[in-house]
Amino acid sequence: MIRVIILLLLIVLFCGYSFLVYTKGTESRLSFTSIEQQKINDGKRLYQQYNCQACHQIYGLGGYLGPELTTAYSDKNRGENFMKAMLHAGGKRMPNFNFNTQQIDALIAYLKYVDTTATPIK
């Protein structure tokens, strides 16, 4: 009888924990204005349209030819100005996609968003 009670208690606890994780645990604590959110969405769309994941990784997923971009925005060696220059003119292995200023700003906004959602490994 005790085993049945323990089993039922574990099932109830598991269901409660699962409910919390799938409802409260996935909410974003970040808030953006509609303009910022639109810019982030445009940057993500450009990242996908130009197949950036073929060479770059975000959250460990993607290619290995280019650098990993999850925390590129906050990297003291790269940062926003370096990324703007690379997006504007390309590099040794990165082609010049001839992005305009609006597209560069959208991609930077997306990479900044990705950086703020990254969990650093210590």
PDB file of N, CA and C in Angstrom:
ATOM      1  N   MET A   1       0.819  -1.194   0.000  1.00  0.00           N
ATOM      2  CA  MET A   1       0.000   0.000   0.000  1.00  0.00           C
ATOM      3  C   MET A   1       0.864   1.260   0.000  1.00  0.00           C
ATOM      4  N   ILE A   2       1.960   1.227   0.756  1.00  0.00           N
ATOM      5  CA  ILE A   2       2.874   2.375   0.830  1.00  0.00           C
ATOM      6  C   ILE A   2       3.503   2.629  -0.538  1.00  0.00           C
ATOM      7  N   ARG A   3       3.850   1.561  -1.249  1.00  0.00           N
ATOM      8  CA  ARG A   3       4.461   1.706  -2.579  1.00  0.00           C
ATOM      9  C   ARG A   3       3.496   2.372  -3.551  1.00  0.00           C
ATOM     10  N   VAL A   4       2.242   2.031  -3.466  1.00  0.00           N
ATOM     11  CA  VAL A   4       1.227   2.638  -4.345  1.00  0.00           C
ATOM     12  C   VAL A   4       1.106   4.122  -4.040  1.00  0.00           C
ATOM     13  N   ILE A   5       1.103   4.488  -2.770  1.00  0.00           N
ATOM     14  CA  ILE A   5       0.999   5.897  -2.379  1.00  0.00           C
ATOM     15  C   ILE A   5       2.228   6.672  -2.857  1.00  0.00           C
ATOM     16  N   ILE A   6       3.406   6.096  -2.690  1.00  0.00           N
ATOM     17  CA  ILE A   6       4.651   6.737  -3.141  1.00  0.00           C
ATOM     18  C   ILE A   6       4.636   6.897  -4.658  1.00  0.00           C
ATOM     19  N   LEU A   7       4.202   5.868  -5.369  1.00  0.00           N
ATOM     20  CA  LEU A   7       4.121   5.939  -6.820  1.00  0.00           C
ATOM     21  C   LEU A   7       3.167   7.045  -7.263  1.00  0.00           C
ATOM     22  N   LEU A   8       1.992   7.117  -6.656  1.00  0.00           N
ATOM     23  CA  LEU A   8       1.027   8.165  -6.995  1.00  0.00           C
ATOM     24  C   LEU A   8       1.580   9.551  -6.665  1.00  0.00           C
ATOM     25  N   LEU A   9       2.279   9.689  -5.554  1.00  0.00           N
ATOM     26  CA  LEU A   9       2.889  10.958  -5.179  1.00  0.00           C
ATOM     27  C   LEU A   9       3.947  11.370  -6.208  1.00  0.00           C
ATOM     28  N   LEU A  10       4.777  10.438  -6.631  1.00  0.00           N
ATOM     29  CA  LEU A  10       5.792  10.732  -7.646  1.00  0.00           C
ATOM     30  C   LEU A  10       5.162  11.143  -8.971  1.00  0.00           C
ATOM     31  N   ILE A  11       4.090  10.498  -9.344  1.00  0.00           N
ATOM     32  CA  ILE A  11       3.404  10.846 -10.591  1.00  0.00           C
ATOM     33  C   ILE A  11       2.821  12.259 -10.507  1.00  0.00           C
ATOM     34  N   VAL A  12       2.193  12.575  -9.384  1.00  0.00           N
ATOM     35  CA  VAL A  12       1.630  13.914  -9.199  1.00  0.00           C
ATOM     36  C   VAL A  12       2.733  14.969  -9.221  1.00  0.00           C
ATOM     37  N   LEU A  13       3.844  14.713  -8.529  1.00  0.00           N
ATOM     38  CA  LEU A  13       4.963  15.654  -8.532  1.00  0.00           C
ATOM     39  C   LEU A  13       5.550  15.821  -9.936  1.00  0.00           C
ATOM     40  N   PHE A  14       5.686  14.731 -10.663  1.00  0.00           N
ATOM     41  CA  PHE A  14       6.199  14.801 -12.034  1.00  0.00           C
ATOM     42  C   PHE A  14       5.282  15.640 -12.916  1.00  0.00           C
ATOM     43  N   CYS A  15       3.986  15.431 -12.807  1.00  0.00           N
ATOM     44  CA  CYS A  15       3.023  16.200 -13.609  1.00  0.00           C
ATOM     45  C   CYS A  15       3.072  17.683 -13.247  1.00  0.00           C
ATOM     46  N   GLY A  16       3.157  17.993 -11.970  1.00  0.00           N
ATOM     47  CA  GLY A  16       3.251  19.389 -11.544  1.00  0.00           C
ATOM     48  C   GLY A  16       4.521  20.050 -12.041  1.00  0.00           C
ATOM     49  N   TYR A  17       5.638  19.357 -11.919  1.00  0.00           N
ATOM     50  CA  TYR A  17       6.908  19.884 -12.390  1.00  0.00           C
ATOM     51  C   TYR A  17       6.887  20.084 -13.912  1.00  0.00           C
ATOM     52  N   SER A  18       6.364  19.122 -14.637  1.00  0.00           N
ATOM     53  CA  SER A  18       6.277  19.238 -16.095  1.00  0.00           C
ATOM     54  C   SER A  18       5.418  20.420 -16.493  1.00  0.00           C
ATOM     55  N   PHE A  19       4.317  20.639 -15.806  1.00  0.00           N
ATOM     56  CA  PHE A  19       3.447  21.777 -16.095  1.00  0.00           C
ATOM     57  C   PHE A  19       4.200  23.096 -15.907  1.00  0.00           C
ATOM     58  N   LEU A  20       4.944  23.213 -14.807  1.00  0.00           N
ATOM     59  CA  LEU A  20       5.708  24.435 -14.566  1.00  0.00           C
ATOM     60  C   LEU A  20       6.784  24.663 -15.622  1.00  0.00           C
ATOM     61  N   VAL A  21       7.494  23.613 -15.972  1.00  0.00           N
ATOM     62  CA  VAL A  21       8.575  23.749 -16.953  1.00  0.00           C
ATOM     63  C   VAL A  21       8.027  24.157 -18.312  1.00  0.00           C
ATOM     64  N   TYR A  22       6.944  23.543 -18.744  1.00  0.00           N
ATOM     65  CA  TYR A  22       6.419  23.824 -20.074  1.00  0.00           C
ATOM     66  C   TYR A  22       5.577  25.083 -20.145  1.00  0.00           C
ATOM     67  N   THR A  23       5.232  25.686 -19.021  1.00  0.00           N
ATOM     68  CA  THR A  23       4.478  26.936 -19.068  1.00  0.00           C
ATOM     69  C   THR A  23       5.335  28.102 -18.595  1.00  0.00           C
ATOM     70  N   LYS A  24       5.807  28.067 -17.381  1.00  0.00           N
ATOM     71  CA  LYS A  24       6.587  29.175 -16.824  1.00  0.00           C
ATOM     72  C   LYS A  24       8.062  29.099 -17.194  1.00  0.00           C
ATOM     73  N   GLY A  25       8.582  27.925 -17.358  1.00  0.00           N
ATOM     74  CA  GLY A  25      10.010  27.751 -17.586  1.00  0.00           C
ATOM     75  C   GLY A  25      10.484  28.196 -18.946  1.00  0.00           C
ATOM     76  N   THR A  26       9.595  28.362 -19.897  1.00  0.00           N
ATOM     77  CA  THR A  26      10.007  28.750 -21.238  1.00  0.00           C
ATOM     78  C   THR A  26       9.663  30.194 -21.568  1.00  0.00           C
ATOM     79  N   GLU A  27       9.140  30.946 -20.610  1.00  0.00           N
ATOM     80  CA  GLU A  27       8.822  32.340 -20.869  1.00  0.00           C
ATOM     81  C   GLU A  27      10.111  33.144 -20.962  1.00  0.00           C
ATOM     82  N   SER A  28      10.138  34.071 -21.894  1.00  0.00           N
ATOM     83  CA  SER A  28      11.288  34.940 -22.042  1.00  0.00           C
ATOM     84  C   SER A  28      11.182  36.099 -21.063  1.00  0.00           C
ATOM     85  N   ARG A  29      12.266  36.403 -20.409  1.00  0.00           N
ATOM     86  CA  ARG A  29      12.287  37.538 -19.495  1.00  0.00           C
ATOM     87  C   ARG A  29      12.660  38.820 -20.225  1.00  0.00           C
ATOM     88  N   LEU A  30      12.993  38.701 -21.483  1.00  0.00           N
ATOM     89  CA  LEU A  30      13.369  39.856 -22.287  1.00  0.00           C
ATOM     90  C   LEU A  30      12.118  40.493 -22.878  1.00  0.00           C
ATOM     91  N   SER A  31      12.115  41.798 -22.924  1.00  0.00           N
ATOM     92  CA  SER A  31      10.993  42.479 -23.556  1.00  0.00           C
ATOM     93  C   SER A  31      11.546  43.482 -24.559  1.00  0.00           C
ATOM     94  N   PHE A  32      10.903  43.545 -25.697  1.00  0.00           N
ATOM     95  CA  PHE A  32      11.341  44.421 -26.768  1.00  0.00           C
ATOM     96  C   PHE A  32      10.169  45.242 -27.257  1.00  0.00           C
ATOM     97  N   THR A  33      10.491  46.405 -27.795  1.00  0.00           N
ATOM     98  CA  THR A  33       9.446  47.185 -28.444  1.00  0.00           C
ATOM     99  C   THR A  33       9.098  46.499 -29.757  1.00  0.00           C
ATOM    100  N   SER A  34       8.000  46.889 -30.339  1.00  0.00           N
ATOM    101  CA  SER A  34       7.598  46.252 -31.601  1.00  0.00           C
ATOM    102  C   SER A  34       8.618  46.533 -32.706  1.00  0.00           C
ATOM    103  N   ILE A  35       9.252  47.687 -32.682  1.00  0.00           N
ATOM    104  CA  ILE A  35      10.270  48.014 -33.693  1.00  0.00           C
ATOM    105  C   ILE A  35      11.497  47.127 -33.508  1.00  0.00           C
ATOM    106  N   GLU A  36      11.940  46.956 -32.246  1.00  0.00           N
ATOM    107  CA  GLU A  36      13.091  46.091 -31.979  1.00  0.00           C
ATOM    108  C   GLU A  36      12.779  44.644 -32.354  1.00  0.00           C
ATOM    109  N   GLN A  37      11.584  44.191 -32.024  1.00  0.00           N
ATOM    110  CA  GLN A  37      11.200  42.816 -32.348  1.00  0.00           C
ATOM    111  C   GLN A  37      11.157  42.603 -33.855  1.00  0.00           C
ATOM    112  N   GLN A  38      10.667  43.606 -34.587  1.00  0.00           N
ATOM    113  CA  GLN A  38      10.622  43.501 -36.047  1.00  0.00           C
ATOM    114  C   GLN A  38      12.032  43.435 -36.623  1.00  0.00           C
ATOM    115  N   LYS A  39      12.946  44.230 -36.062  1.00  0.00           N
ATOM    116  CA  LYS A  39      14.335  44.224 -36.536  1.00  0.00           C
ATOM    117  C   LYS A  39      14.995  42.873 -36.260  1.00  0.00           C
ATOM    118  N   ILE A  40      14.729  42.301 -35.082  1.00  0.00           N
ATOM    119  CA  ILE A  40      15.272  40.977 -34.746  1.00  0.00           C
ATOM    120  C   ILE A  40      14.717  39.931 -35.706  1.00  0.00           C
ATOM    121  N   ASN A  41      13.429  39.985 -35.967  1.00  0.00           N
ATOM    122  CA  ASN A  41      12.811  39.031 -36.897  1.00  0.00           C
ATOM    123  C   ASN A  41      13.381  39.177 -38.304  1.00  0.00           C
ATOM    124  N   ASP A  42      13.587  40.428 -38.745  1.00  0.00           N
ATOM    125  CA  ASP A  42      14.183  40.658 -40.065  1.00  0.00           C
ATOM    126  C   ASP A  42      15.603  40.104 -40.124  1.00  0.00           C
ATOM    127  N   GLY A  43      16.365  40.283 -39.040  1.00  0.00           N
ATOM    128  CA  GLY A  43      17.730  39.753 -38.992  1.00  0.00           C
ATOM    129  C   GLY A  43      17.751  38.237 -39.050  1.00  0.00           C
ATOM    130  N   LYS A  44      16.819  37.610 -38.337  1.00  0.00           N
ATOM    131  CA  LYS A  44      16.737  36.150 -38.372  1.00  0.00           C
ATOM    132  C   LYS A  44      16.375  35.672 -39.767  1.00  0.00           C
ATOM    133  N   ARG A  45      15.452  36.365 -40.403  1.00  0.00           N
ATOM    134  CA  ARG A  45      15.040  36.009 -41.762  1.00  0.00           C
ATOM    135  C   ARG A  45      16.228  36.130 -42.734  1.00  0.00           C
ATOM    136  N   LEU A  46      17.019  37.194 -42.593  1.00  0.00           N
ATOM    137  CA  LEU A  46      18.197  37.368 -43.442  1.00  0.00           C
ATOM    138  C   LEU A  46      19.234  36.278 -43.165  1.00  0.00           C
ATOM    139  N   TYR A  47      19.424  35.945 -41.894  1.00  0.00           N
ATOM    140  CA  TYR A  47      20.368  34.887 -41.516  1.00  0.00           C
ATOM    141  C   TYR A  47      19.995  33.577 -42.190  1.00  0.00           C
ATOM    142  N   GLN A  48      18.708  33.298 -42.237  1.00  0.00           N
ATOM    143  CA  GLN A  48      18.232  32.070 -42.879  1.00  0.00           C
ATOM    144  C   GLN A  48      18.268  32.190 -44.406  1.00  0.00           C
ATOM    145  N   GLN A  49      17.875  33.339 -44.927  1.00  0.00           N
ATOM    146  CA  GLN A  49      17.815  33.537 -46.381  1.00  0.00           C
ATOM    147  C   GLN A  49      19.193  33.404 -47.032  1.00  0.00           C
ATOM    148  N   TYR A  50      20.213  33.955 -46.373  1.00  0.00           N
ATOM    149  CA  TYR A  50      21.560  33.897 -46.934  1.00  0.00           C
ATOM    150  C   TYR A  50      22.330  32.657 -46.472  1.00  0.00           C
ATOM    151  N   ASN A  51      21.634  31.733 -45.812  1.00  0.00           N
ATOM    152  CA  ASN A  51      22.190  30.435 -45.413  1.00  0.00           C
ATOM    153  C   ASN A  51      23.460  30.587 -44.577  1.00  0.00           C
ATOM    154  N   CYS A  52      23.421  31.525 -43.646  1.00  0.00           N
ATOM    155  CA  CYS A  52      24.592  31.778 -42.795  1.00  0.00           C
ATOM    156  C   CYS A  52      24.955  30.565 -41.955  1.00  0.00           C
ATOM    157  N   GLN A  53      23.959  29.730 -41.623  1.00  0.00           N
ATOM    158  CA  GLN A  53      24.220  28.550 -40.799  1.00  0.00           C
ATOM    159  C   GLN A  53      25.066  27.514 -41.526  1.00  0.00           C
ATOM    160  N   ALA A  54      25.254  27.654 -42.820  1.00  0.00           N
ATOM    161  CA  ALA A  54      26.124  26.728 -43.543  1.00  0.00           C
ATOM    162  C   ALA A  54      27.574  26.888 -43.102  1.00  0.00           C
ATOM    163  N   CYS A  55      27.955  28.100 -42.699  1.00  0.00           N
ATOM    164  CA  CYS A  55      29.330  28.360 -42.271  1.00  0.00           C
ATOM    165  C   CYS A  55      29.454  28.677 -40.792  1.00  0.00           C
ATOM    166  N   HIS A  56      28.411  29.261 -40.194  1.00  0.00           N
ATOM    167  CA  HIS A  56      28.472  29.726 -38.806  1.00  0.00           C
ATOM    168  C   HIS A  56      27.569  28.901 -37.908  1.00  0.00           C
ATOM    169  N   GLN A  57      27.932  28.851 -36.636  1.00  0.00           N
ATOM    170  CA  GLN A  57      27.115  28.170 -35.639  1.00  0.00           C
ATOM    171  C   GLN A  57      26.436  29.190 -34.736  1.00  0.00           C
ATOM    172  N   ILE A  58      25.218  28.859 -34.334  1.00  0.00           N
ATOM    173  CA  ILE A  58      24.510  29.569 -33.272  1.00  0.00           C
ATOM    174  C   ILE A  58      23.989  28.492 -32.340  1.00  0.00           C
ATOM    175  N   TYR A  59      24.254  28.647 -31.069  1.00  0.00           N
ATOM    176  CA  TYR A  59      23.890  27.659 -30.047  1.00  0.00           C
ATOM    177  C   TYR A  59      24.490  26.283 -30.368  1.00  0.00           C
ATOM    178  N   GLY A  60      25.645  26.269 -31.040  1.00  0.00           N
ATOM    179  CA  GLY A  60      26.318  25.013 -31.345  1.00  0.00           C
ATOM    180  C   GLY A  60      25.807  24.298 -32.573  1.00  0.00           C
ATOM    181  N   LEU A  61      24.876  24.897 -33.289  1.00  0.00           N
ATOM    182  CA  LEU A  61      24.319  24.270 -34.501  1.00  0.00           C
ATOM    183  C   LEU A  61      24.718  25.066 -35.730  1.00  0.00           C
ATOM    184  N   GLY A  62      25.251  24.374 -36.727  1.00  0.00           N
ATOM    185  CA  GLY A  62      25.626  25.022 -37.974  1.00  0.00           C
ATOM    186  C   GLY A  62      26.968  24.516 -38.461  1.00  0.00           C
ATOM    187  N   GLY A  63      27.547  25.270 -39.382  1.00  0.00           N
ATOM    188  CA  GLY A  63      28.793  24.876 -40.016  1.00  0.00           C
ATOM    189  C   GLY A  63      30.017  25.233 -39.194  1.00  0.00           C
ATOM    190  N   TYR A  64      31.180  24.830 -39.711  1.00  0.00           N
ATOM    191  CA  TYR A  64      32.428  25.033 -38.995  1.00  0.00           C
ATOM    192  C   TYR A  64      33.409  25.921 -39.751  1.00  0.00           C
ATOM    193  N   LEU A  65      33.053  26.419 -40.913  1.00  0.00           N
ATOM    194  CA  LEU A  65      33.976  27.237 -41.702  1.00  0.00           C
ATOM    195  C   LEU A  65      34.176  28.608 -41.069  1.00  0.00           C
ATOM    196  N   GLY A  66      33.088  29.239 -40.663  1.00  0.00           N
ATOM    197  CA  GLY A  66      33.161  30.561 -40.042  1.00  0.00           C
ATOM    198  C   GLY A  66      33.121  30.464 -38.525  1.00  0.00           C
ATOM    199  N   PRO A  67      33.336  31.588 -37.859  1.00  0.00           N
ATOM    200  CA  PRO A  67      33.329  31.567 -36.387  1.00  0.00           C
ATOM    201  C   PRO A  67      31.945  31.336 -35.805  1.00  0.00           C
ATOM    202  N   GLU A  68      31.909  30.861 -34.590  1.00  0.00           N
ATOM    203  CA  GLU A  68      30.680  30.647 -33.844  1.00  0.00           C
ATOM    204  C   GLU A  68      30.135  32.020 -33.449  1.00  0.00           C
ATOM    205  N   LEU A  69      28.839  32.262 -33.646  1.00  0.00           N
ATOM    206  CA  LEU A  69      28.280  33.600 -33.477  1.00  0.00           C
ATOM    207  C   LEU A  69      27.383  33.773 -32.256  1.00  0.00           C
ATOM    208  N   THR A  70      27.227  32.758 -31.438  1.00  0.00           N
ATOM    209  CA  THR A  70      26.300  32.866 -30.312  1.00  0.00           C
ATOM    210  C   THR A  70      26.662  34.029 -29.400  1.00  0.00           C
ATOM    211  N   THR A  71      27.916  34.176 -29.053  1.00  0.00           N
ATOM    212  CA  THR A  71      28.337  35.259 -28.167  1.00  0.00           C
ATOM    213  C   THR A  71      29.273  36.238 -28.864  1.00  0.00           C
ATOM    214  N   ALA A  72      29.171  36.357 -30.173  1.00  0.00           N
ATOM    215  CA  ALA A  72      30.045  37.256 -30.927  1.00  0.00           C
ATOM    216  C   ALA A  72      29.799  38.715 -30.568  1.00  0.00           C
ATOM    217  N   TYR A  73      28.564  39.071 -30.258  1.00  0.00           N
ATOM    218  CA  TYR A  73      28.242  40.466 -29.966  1.00  0.00           C
ATOM    219  C   TYR A  73      28.956  40.946 -28.704  1.00  0.00           C
ATOM    220  N   SER A  74      29.028  40.115 -27.686  1.00  0.00           N
ATOM    221  CA  SER A  74      29.660  40.522 -26.426  1.00  0.00           C
ATOM    222  C   SER A  74      31.142  40.164 -26.360  1.00  0.00           C
ATOM    223  N   ASP A  75      31.676  39.543 -27.405  1.00  0.00           N
ATOM    224  CA  ASP A  75      33.089  39.171 -27.440  1.00  0.00           C
ATOM    225  C   ASP A  75      33.937  40.437 -27.532  1.00  0.00           C
ATOM    226  N   LYS A  76      34.890  40.594 -26.607  1.00  0.00           N
ATOM    227  CA  LYS A  76      35.706  41.813 -26.598  1.00  0.00           C
ATOM    228  C   LYS A  76      36.617  41.915 -27.816  1.00  0.00           C
ATOM    229  N   ASN A  77      36.916  40.800 -28.480  1.00  0.00           N
ATOM    230  CA  ASN A  77      37.768  40.825 -29.674  1.00  0.00           C
ATOM    231  C   ASN A  77      36.979  41.075 -30.957  1.00  0.00           C
ATOM    232  N   ARG A  78      35.685  40.831 -30.919  1.00  0.00           N
ATOM    233  CA  ARG A  78      34.867  41.042 -32.111  1.00  0.00           C
ATOM    234  C   ARG A  78      33.915  42.199 -31.855  1.00  0.00           C
ATOM    235  N   GLY A  79      32.772  41.950 -31.312  1.00  0.00           N
ATOM    236  CA  GLY A  79      31.838  43.015 -30.972  1.00  0.00           C
ATOM    237  C   GLY A  79      31.090  43.576 -32.170  1.00  0.00           C
ATOM    238  N   GLU A  80      30.290  44.595 -31.891  1.00  0.00           N
ATOM    239  CA  GLU A  80      29.380  45.147 -32.891  1.00  0.00           C
ATOM    240  C   GLU A  80      30.105  45.779 -34.074  1.00  0.00           C
ATOM    241  N   ASN A  81      31.129  46.590 -33.825  1.00  0.00           N
ATOM    242  CA  ASN A  81      31.816  47.282 -34.927  1.00  0.00           C
ATOM    243  C   ASN A  81      32.519  46.303 -35.857  1.00  0.00           C
ATOM    244  N   PHE A  82      33.139  45.276 -35.296  1.00  0.00           N
ATOM    245  CA  PHE A  82      33.805  44.265 -36.117  1.00  0.00           C
ATOM    246  C   PHE A  82      32.788  43.535 -36.986  1.00  0.00           C
ATOM    247  N   MET A  83      31.646  43.180 -36.384  1.00  0.00           N
ATOM    248  CA  MET A  83      30.612  42.461 -37.152  1.00  0.00           C
ATOM    249  C   MET A  83      30.050  43.348 -38.258  1.00  0.00           C
ATOM    250  N   LYS A  84      29.861  44.643 -37.979  1.00  0.00           N
ATOM    251  CA  LYS A  84      29.373  45.557 -39.018  1.00  0.00           C
ATOM    252  C   LYS A  84      30.352  45.624 -40.183  1.00  0.00           C
ATOM    253  N   ALA A  85      31.640  45.692 -39.872  1.00  0.00           N
ATOM    254  CA  ALA A  85      32.653  45.749 -40.925  1.00  0.00           C
ATOM    255  C   ALA A  85      32.654  44.473 -41.764  1.00  0.00           C
ATOM    256  N   MET A  86      32.535  43.313 -41.099  1.00  0.00           N
ATOM    257  CA  MET A  86      32.518  42.043 -41.833  1.00  0.00           C
ATOM    258  C   MET A  86      31.271  41.924 -42.703  1.00  0.00           C
ATOM    259  N   LEU A  87      30.128  42.367 -42.182  1.00  0.00           N
ATOM    260  CA  LEU A  87      28.896  42.292 -42.969  1.00  0.00           C
ATOM    261  C   LEU A  87      28.914  43.281 -44.126  1.00  0.00           C
ATOM    262  N   HIS A  88      29.603  44.387 -43.940  1.00  0.00           N
ATOM    263  CA  HIS A  88      29.653  45.398 -44.998  1.00  0.00           C
ATOM    264  C   HIS A  88      30.601  45.011 -46.128  1.00  0.00           C
ATOM    265  N   ALA A  89      31.772  44.465 -45.788  1.00  0.00           N
ATOM    266  CA  ALA A  89      32.790  44.230 -46.803  1.00  0.00           C
ATOM    267  C   ALA A  89      33.181  42.769 -46.985  1.00  0.00           C
ATOM    268  N   GLY A  90      32.748  41.885 -46.116  1.00  0.00           N
ATOM    269  CA  GLY A  90      33.172  40.488 -46.214  1.00  0.00           C
ATOM    270  C   GLY A  90      34.548  40.315 -45.600  1.00  0.00           C
ATOM    271  N   GLY A  91      35.165  39.183 -45.863  1.00  0.00           N
ATOM    272  CA  GLY A  91      36.485  38.898 -45.308  1.00  0.00           C
ATOM    273  C   GLY A  91      37.215  37.904 -46.174  1.00  0.00           C
ATOM    274  N   LYS A  92      38.242  37.267 -45.605  1.00  0.00           N
ATOM    275  CA  LYS A  92      39.023  36.298 -46.369  1.00  0.00           C
ATOM    276  C   LYS A  92      38.157  35.138 -46.852  1.00  0.00           C
ATOM    277  N   ARG A  93      37.406  34.544 -45.929  1.00  0.00           N
ATOM    278  CA  ARG A  93      36.568  33.403 -46.297  1.00  0.00           C
ATOM    279  C   ARG A  93      35.092  33.757 -46.399  1.00  0.00           C
ATOM    280  N   MET A  94      34.728  34.952 -45.944  1.00  0.00           N
ATOM    281  CA  MET A  94      33.319  35.347 -45.973  1.00  0.00           C
ATOM    282  C   MET A  94      33.065  36.215 -47.203  1.00  0.00           C
ATOM    283  N   PRO A  95      32.105  35.816 -48.015  1.00  0.00           N
ATOM    284  CA  PRO A  95      31.813  36.615 -49.207  1.00  0.00           C
ATOM    285  C   PRO A  95      31.149  37.939 -48.848  1.00  0.00           C
ATOM    286  N   ASN A  96      31.282  38.897 -49.745  1.00  0.00           N
ATOM    287  CA  ASN A  96      30.597  40.173 -49.574  1.00  0.00           C
ATOM    288  C   ASN A  96      29.190  40.024 -50.155  1.00  0.00           C
ATOM    289  N   PHE A  97      28.186  40.071 -49.298  1.00  0.00           N
ATOM    290  CA  PHE A  97      26.808  39.905 -49.735  1.00  0.00           C
ATOM    291  C   PHE A  97      26.161  41.224 -50.153  1.00  0.00           C
ATOM    292  N   ASN A  98      26.919  42.324 -50.073  1.00  0.00           N
ATOM    293  CA  ASN A  98      26.421  43.655 -50.435  1.00  0.00           C
ATOM    294  C   ASN A  98      25.174  44.031 -49.641  1.00  0.00           C
ATOM    295  N   PHE A  99      25.223  43.794 -48.329  1.00  0.00           N
ATOM    296  CA  PHE A  99      24.121  44.181 -47.460  1.00  0.00           C
ATOM    297  C   PHE A  99      24.042  45.699 -47.376  1.00  0.00           C
ATOM    298  N   ASN A 100      22.817  46.221 -47.334  1.00  0.00           N
ATOM    299  CA  ASN A 100      22.669  47.654 -47.095  1.00  0.00           C
ATOM    300  C   ASN A 100      22.670  47.903 -45.591  1.00  0.00           C
ATOM    301  N   THR A 101      22.643  49.169 -45.203  1.00  0.00           N
ATOM    302  CA  THR A 101      22.731  49.526 -43.782  1.00  0.00           C
ATOM    303  C   THR A 101      21.576  48.951 -42.978  1.00  0.00           C
ATOM    304  N   GLN A 102      20.392  48.954 -43.533  1.00  0.00           N
ATOM    305  CA  GLN A 102      19.219  48.424 -42.832  1.00  0.00           C
ATOM    306  C   GLN A 102      19.365  46.912 -42.591  1.00  0.00           C
ATOM    307  N   GLN A 103      19.863  46.191 -43.569  1.00  0.00           N
ATOM    308  CA  GLN A 103      20.070  44.754 -43.418  1.00  0.00           C
ATOM    309  C   GLN A 103      21.156  44.455 -42.385  1.00  0.00           C
ATOM    310  N   ILE A 104      22.225  45.247 -42.408  1.00  0.00           N
ATOM    311  CA  ILE A 104      23.303  45.060 -41.426  1.00  0.00           C
ATOM    312  C   ILE A 104      22.773  45.305 -40.021  1.00  0.00           C
ATOM    313  N   ASP A 105      21.996  46.370 -39.847  1.00  0.00           N
ATOM    314  CA  ASP A 105      21.425  46.659 -38.527  1.00  0.00           C
ATOM    315  C   ASP A 105      20.495  45.542 -38.065  1.00  0.00           C
ATOM    316  N   ALA A 106      19.736  44.966 -38.984  1.00  0.00           N
ATOM    317  CA  ALA A 106      18.829  43.865 -38.627  1.00  0.00           C
ATOM    318  C   ALA A 106      19.626  42.628 -38.215  1.00  0.00           C
ATOM    319  N   LEU A 107      20.664  42.294 -38.946  1.00  0.00           N
ATOM    320  CA  LEU A 107      21.499  41.144 -38.585  1.00  0.00           C
ATOM    321  C   LEU A 107      22.192  41.359 -37.243  1.00  0.00           C
ATOM    322  N   ILE A 108      22.667  42.568 -36.999  1.00  0.00           N
ATOM    323  CA  ILE A 108      23.301  42.880 -35.719  1.00  0.00           C
ATOM    324  C   ILE A 108      22.280  42.765 -34.589  1.00  0.00           C
ATOM    325  N   ALA A 109      21.060  43.243 -34.814  1.00  0.00           N
ATOM    326  CA  ALA A 109      20.008  43.137 -33.785  1.00  0.00           C
ATOM    327  C   ALA A 109      19.717  41.674 -33.479  1.00  0.00           C
ATOM    328  N   TYR A 110      19.678  40.837 -34.511  1.00  0.00           N
ATOM    329  CA  TYR A 110      19.434  39.409 -34.298  1.00  0.00           C
ATOM    330  C   TYR A 110      20.585  38.772 -33.521  1.00  0.00           C
ATOM    331  N   LEU A 111      21.820  39.081 -33.886  1.00  0.00           N
ATOM    332  CA  LEU A 111      22.972  38.508 -33.189  1.00  0.00           C
ATOM    333  C   LEU A 111      23.069  39.030 -31.749  1.00  0.00           C
ATOM    334  N   LYS A 112      22.651  40.258 -31.518  1.00  0.00           N
ATOM    335  CA  LYS A 112      22.608  40.789 -30.150  1.00  0.00           C
ATOM    336  C   LYS A 112      21.567  40.033 -29.330  1.00  0.00           C
ATOM    337  N   TYR A 113      20.411  39.765 -29.941  1.00  0.00           N
ATOM    338  CA  TYR A 113      19.374  38.988 -29.260  1.00  0.00           C
ATOM    339  C   TYR A 113      19.882  37.587 -28.921  1.00  0.00           C
ATOM    340  N   VAL A 114      20.529  36.941 -29.886  1.00  0.00           N
ATOM    341  CA  VAL A 114      21.080  35.604 -29.653  1.00  0.00           C
ATOM    342  C   VAL A 114      22.090  35.649 -28.512  1.00  0.00           C
ATOM    343  N   ASP A 115      22.914  36.685 -28.493  1.00  0.00           N
ATOM    344  CA  ASP A 115      23.919  36.828 -27.440  1.00  0.00           C
ATOM    345  C   ASP A 115      23.268  36.981 -26.068  1.00  0.00           C
ATOM    346  N   THR A 116      22.188  37.737 -25.978  1.00  0.00           N
ATOM    347  CA  THR A 116      21.534  37.945 -24.679  1.00  0.00           C
ATOM    348  C   THR A 116      20.822  36.684 -24.182  1.00  0.00           C
ATOM    349  N   THR A 117      20.484  35.780 -25.076  1.00  0.00           N
ATOM    350  CA  THR A 117      19.811  34.553 -24.673  1.00  0.00           C
ATOM    351  C   THR A 117      20.772  33.390 -24.461  1.00  0.00           C
ATOM    352  N   ALA A 118      22.056  33.605 -24.732  1.00  0.00           N
ATOM    353  CA  ALA A 118      23.055  32.541 -24.596  1.00  0.00           C
ATOM    354  C   ALA A 118      23.367  32.282 -23.132  1.00  0.00           C
ATOM    355  N   THR A 119      23.634  31.036 -22.814  1.00  0.00           N
ATOM    356  CA  THR A 119      24.057  30.643 -21.481  1.00  0.00           C
ATOM    357  C   THR A 119      25.535  30.273 -21.554  1.00  0.00           C
ATOM    358  N   PRO A 120      26.396  31.098 -20.971  1.00  0.00           N
ATOM    359  CA  PRO A 120      27.835  30.795 -21.080  1.00  0.00           C
ATOM    360  C   PRO A 120      28.209  29.546 -20.299  1.00  0.00           C
ATOM    361  N   ILE A 121      29.163  28.810 -20.835  1.00  0.00           N
ATOM    362  CA  ILE A 121      29.677  27.612 -20.167  1.00  0.00           C
ATOM    363  C   ILE A 121      30.938  28.009 -19.427  1.00  0.00           C
ATOM    364  N   LYS A 122      30.960  27.732 -18.151  1.00  0.00           N
ATOM    365  CA  LYS A 122      32.121  28.136 -17.332  1.00  0.00           C
ATOM    366  C   LYS A 122      33.034  26.963 -17.090  1.00  0.00           C
TER     367      LYS A 122
END
